[in-house]
Structure formats: structure tokens, C-alpha cells
Protein backbone atom coordinates (compact mmCIF):
# COMPACT_ATOMS: atom_id res chain seq x y z
CA UNK A 1 17.02 -0.05 -36.00
CA UNK A 2 14.16 -2.52 -36.15
CA UNK A 3 12.66 -3.62 -32.83
CA UNK A 4 12.27 -7.20 -34.01
CA UNK A 5 15.27 -9.31 -34.92
CA UNK A 6 13.65 -12.71 -35.51
CA UNK A 7 16.60 -14.30 -33.68
CA UNK A 8 14.33 -15.39 -30.84
CA UNK A 9 11.70 -17.09 -32.96
CA UNK A 10 12.87 -20.56 -31.95
CA UNK A 11 12.81 -19.95 -28.20
CA UNK A 12 16.31 -18.65 -27.60
CA UNK A 13 17.75 -15.22 -26.83
CA UNK A 14 21.14 -13.69 -26.07
CA UNK A 15 22.58 -12.60 -22.76
CA UNK A 16 25.31 -9.98 -22.40
CA UNK A 17 28.41 -11.23 -24.14
CA UNK A 18 26.36 -12.97 -26.84
CA UNK A 19 25.73 -16.28 -25.04
CA UNK A 20 22.60 -17.90 -26.53
CA UNK A 21 20.20 -19.31 -23.92
CA UNK A 22 16.72 -20.76 -23.83
CA UNK A 23 14.11 -18.11 -23.06
CA UNK A 24 12.89 -20.13 -20.10
CA UNK A 25 16.31 -20.77 -18.52
CA UNK A 26 16.99 -19.68 -14.94
CA UNK A 27 18.87 -16.55 -16.03
CA UNK A 28 15.95 -15.40 -18.18
CA UNK A 29 13.42 -16.23 -15.46
CA UNK A 30 15.25 -13.90 -13.06
CA UNK A 31 15.63 -11.20 -15.72
CA UNK A 32 11.94 -11.48 -16.59
CA UNK A 33 10.92 -11.03 -12.97
CA UNK A 34 13.13 -7.94 -12.62
CA UNK A 35 11.62 -6.58 -15.85
CA UNK A 36 8.08 -7.16 -14.58
CA UNK A 37 8.99 -5.56 -11.26
CA UNK A 38 10.31 -2.49 -13.06
CA UNK A 39 7.16 -2.31 -15.16
CA UNK A 40 4.94 -2.49 -12.07
CA UNK A 41 7.02 0.28 -10.45
CA UNK A 42 6.41 2.33 -13.62
CA UNK A 43 2.67 1.87 -13.22
CA UNK A 44 2.92 2.90 -9.57
CA UNK A 45 4.86 5.97 -10.64
CA UNK A 46 1.89 7.00 -12.80
CA UNK A 47 -0.38 6.80 -9.73
CA UNK A 48 1.60 8.69 -7.09
CA UNK A 49 1.27 12.42 -6.56
CA UNK A 50 4.18 13.27 -4.28
CA UNK A 51 7.40 14.48 -5.93
CA UNK A 52 9.59 12.86 -3.26
CA UNK A 53 7.97 9.46 -3.83
CA UNK A 54 8.20 9.90 -7.60
CA UNK A 55 11.93 10.59 -7.30
CA UNK A 56 12.40 7.52 -5.11
CA UNK A 57 10.51 5.37 -7.63
CA UNK A 58 12.57 6.69 -10.54
CA UNK A 59 15.75 5.85 -8.62
CA UNK A 60 14.37 2.37 -7.95
CA UNK A 61 13.67 1.88 -11.65
CA UNK A 62 17.25 2.85 -12.48
CA UNK A 63 18.57 0.46 -9.83
CA UNK A 64 16.43 -2.34 -11.26
CA UNK A 65 18.03 -1.71 -14.66
CA UNK A 66 21.44 -2.05 -13.01
CA UNK A 67 20.33 -5.36 -11.47
CA UNK A 68 19.04 -6.54 -14.85
CA UNK A 69 22.35 -5.66 -16.50
CA UNK A 70 24.25 -7.56 -13.82
CA UNK A 71 22.01 -10.61 -14.17
CA UNK A 72 22.33 -10.54 -17.97
CA UNK A 73 26.10 -10.71 -17.59
CA UNK A 74 26.32 -13.68 -15.19
CA UNK A 75 27.65 -16.04 -17.86
CA UNK A 76 30.47 -13.84 -19.06
CA UNK A 77 33.68 -12.75 -17.35
CA UNK A 78 33.37 -9.42 -19.14
CA UNK A 79 31.22 -7.30 -16.88
CA UNK A 80 31.32 -3.68 -18.05
CA UNK A 81 27.91 -3.00 -16.56
CA UNK A 82 27.31 -0.70 -13.62
CA UNK A 83 27.12 -2.37 -10.23
CA UNK A 84 24.64 -1.85 -7.44
CA UNK A 85 26.26 -0.12 -4.48
CA UNK A 86 25.73 -0.68 -0.80
CA UNK A 87 24.58 2.96 -0.63
CA UNK A 88 21.35 2.16 -2.49
CA UNK A 89 20.56 -0.52 0.09
CA UNK A 90 21.19 1.99 2.87
CA UNK A 91 19.00 4.53 1.10
CA UNK A 92 16.10 2.07 1.12
CA UNK A 93 16.64 1.42 4.82
CA UNK A 94 16.59 5.17 5.52
CA UNK A 95 13.43 5.62 3.44
CA UNK A 96 11.72 2.75 5.29
CA UNK A 97 12.71 4.27 8.63
CA UNK A 98 11.44 7.69 7.51
CA UNK A 99 8.01 6.42 6.49
CA UNK A 100 7.69 4.18 9.54
CA UNK A 101 8.20 7.18 11.83
CA UNK A 102 5.15 8.77 10.20
CA UNK A 103 2.95 5.68 10.65
CA UNK A 104 1.22 4.17 13.66
CA UNK A 105 2.95 1.10 15.03
CA UNK A 106 1.70 -2.07 13.42
CA UNK A 107 0.20 -4.64 15.81
CA UNK A 108 -1.88 -6.71 13.38
CA UNK A 109 -1.68 -8.22 9.94
CA UNK A 110 -3.32 -5.93 7.41
CA UNK A 111 -5.01 -6.80 4.16
CA UNK A 112 -3.50 -5.41 0.96
CA UNK A 113 -5.53 -2.62 -0.58
CA UNK A 114 -6.66 0.93 -0.08
CA UNK A 115 -6.28 3.78 -2.53
CA UNK A 116 -5.04 2.98 -6.04
CA UNK A 117 -1.38 3.90 -5.43
CA UNK A 118 -1.25 1.95 -2.15
CA UNK A 119 -2.93 -1.05 -3.76
CA UNK A 120 -0.35 -0.97 -6.54
CA UNK A 121 2.39 -0.85 -3.88
CA UNK A 122 1.10 -4.16 -2.56
CA UNK A 123 1.20 -5.61 -6.09
CA UNK A 124 4.75 -4.32 -6.55
CA UNK A 125 5.73 -5.83 -3.20
CA UNK A 126 4.45 -9.27 -4.26
CA UNK A 127 6.24 -9.08 -7.62
CA UNK A 128 9.40 -7.97 -5.82
CA UNK A 129 9.28 -11.01 -3.57
CA UNK A 130 8.83 -13.29 -6.58
CA UNK A 131 11.80 -11.62 -8.29
CA UNK A 132 13.83 -12.09 -5.13
CA UNK A 133 13.01 -15.81 -5.08
CA UNK A 134 14.20 -16.15 -8.69
CA UNK A 135 17.42 -14.29 -7.91
CA UNK A 136 18.01 -16.55 -4.89
CA UNK A 137 17.66 -19.57 -7.19
CA UNK A 138 20.07 -18.02 -9.67
CA UNK A 139 22.56 -17.31 -6.89
CA UNK A 140 22.84 -21.07 -6.35
CA UNK A 141 24.20 -21.34 -9.89
CA UNK A 142 26.32 -18.17 -10.06
CA UNK A 143 28.07 -15.99 -7.52
CA UNK A 144 26.01 -12.80 -7.48
CA UNK A 145 26.87 -9.58 -5.67
CA UNK A 146 25.32 -9.61 -2.19
CA UNK A 147 23.84 -6.16 -2.78
CA UNK A 148 21.35 -7.55 -5.30
CA UNK A 149 19.69 -9.84 -2.76
CA UNK A 150 19.89 -7.21 -0.03
CA UNK A 151 18.34 -4.58 -2.30
CA UNK A 152 15.42 -6.78 -3.36
CA UNK A 153 14.81 -7.82 0.25
CA UNK A 154 14.68 -4.18 1.44
CA UNK A 155 12.69 -3.17 -1.61
CA UNK A 156 9.73 -5.39 -0.71
CA UNK A 157 9.75 -3.88 2.79
CA UNK A 158 9.90 -0.40 1.26
CA UNK A 159 6.78 -1.04 -0.80
CA UNK A 160 4.90 -2.39 2.22
CA UNK A 161 5.69 0.71 4.26
CA UNK A 162 5.05 3.00 1.29
CA UNK A 163 1.61 1.41 0.80
CA UNK A 164 0.75 2.14 4.41
CA UNK A 165 2.05 5.71 4.05
CA UNK A 166 0.06 6.37 0.87
CA UNK A 167 -3.12 5.08 2.50
CA UNK A 168 -2.50 7.29 5.52
CA UNK A 169 -1.97 10.33 3.26
CA UNK A 170 -5.41 9.73 1.75
CA UNK A 171 -7.05 9.00 5.14
CA UNK A 172 -7.70 5.43 4.04
CA UNK A 173 -7.91 3.19 7.12
CA UNK A 174 -6.02 -0.09 7.12
CA UNK A 175 -8.11 -3.23 7.10
CA UNK A 176 -7.02 -5.66 9.78
CA UNK A 177 -7.06 -9.30 8.80
CA UNK A 178 -9.98 -10.83 10.73
CA UNK A 179 -7.98 -14.00 11.42
CA UNK A 180 -5.40 -12.03 13.41
CA UNK A 181 -5.95 -12.73 17.08
CA UNK A 182 -2.79 -11.01 18.36
């Protein structure tokens, strides 16, 4: 099978079910953001050292593929794709709670950065929030499963807490934003 089809040369592509759409339509914007998010998670995966975190990131990548499949099928009543479950949202909440228990309580805004893996977590968090905004826009056009929005919302929190955890593991102090007077 050739990787190029030439069917997108004029600015259109196909969604699940064969519907042709412009490459810059709202559906493709959301799909592109989820794809970029998954790619950034893949880069983070290359930077982390802990097997538990690697497993979590691999699960996240699989869940992002599920989200992408669901978004690609929004225009068709045929939806044979796997669906995101409420359990994956709960898993993220449990992971966030686990890492937070290991971290000092946060009383200030902190600047993104630190060791490479933590810095990449902050990048992933920002991309996740952008993807979430695109999915929210798409949800105004189509009825999307609530778990997609919930998952993306928890996922950005997960990456924030994971960044803090990875910095702590490497004894990298957090940098407090100097404008924070709380």
C-alpha cells in the first residue's frame, strides 16, 4: 500500500464513512489537534525513565487514538469505532491524586520548565488545552460523548501534576512566578 494517495492534493480529505471535507474544516482542526497532542505525548514518552509513567503515557496515546476515531466519525451514523469509557477518566483522576500526594502543596503559580521530561509535560499540557478548545467548538456542531471533553480536561491537569512530579524526582526546584503575590 502506498502512503500517498493524491486524493488530498486539492485541499480535501475523507472522514470515517467516506465523507469528503475541507482539510481546514472544524472536524479536521479537532482531529489535527488530537494528532499533535498524541505526537507530543510520544516525544514525552521518549524522555521519561519510569516504567509506570511510560505505561500511563502509552495508555494515553491509545485513548487519544480512540478519541481521534470518534471525532473522525462525527458525520456518519455508522460508528463502529471504540468509545472512550468513563473508567479512563477515573484513571486519570486517580493518577492525579496519586502524584499530588507525593508533591508539596502548591501555593504559588509556577513557571513551566525544569528537566527535559517535565518541560515537555508543560508543552503537552498546552497542546492538550488547545485540543480541548477545538473539541469544545466541535461539540457545538455535533453531539459528542461527554467522556471526550472530560478526558481532555483531566489530561491537561495530569500533565501539570506529572511535570511537577518529574521535576521533584530529579531534585529540580520549581520556579515561582515573580508576579505572584499570594
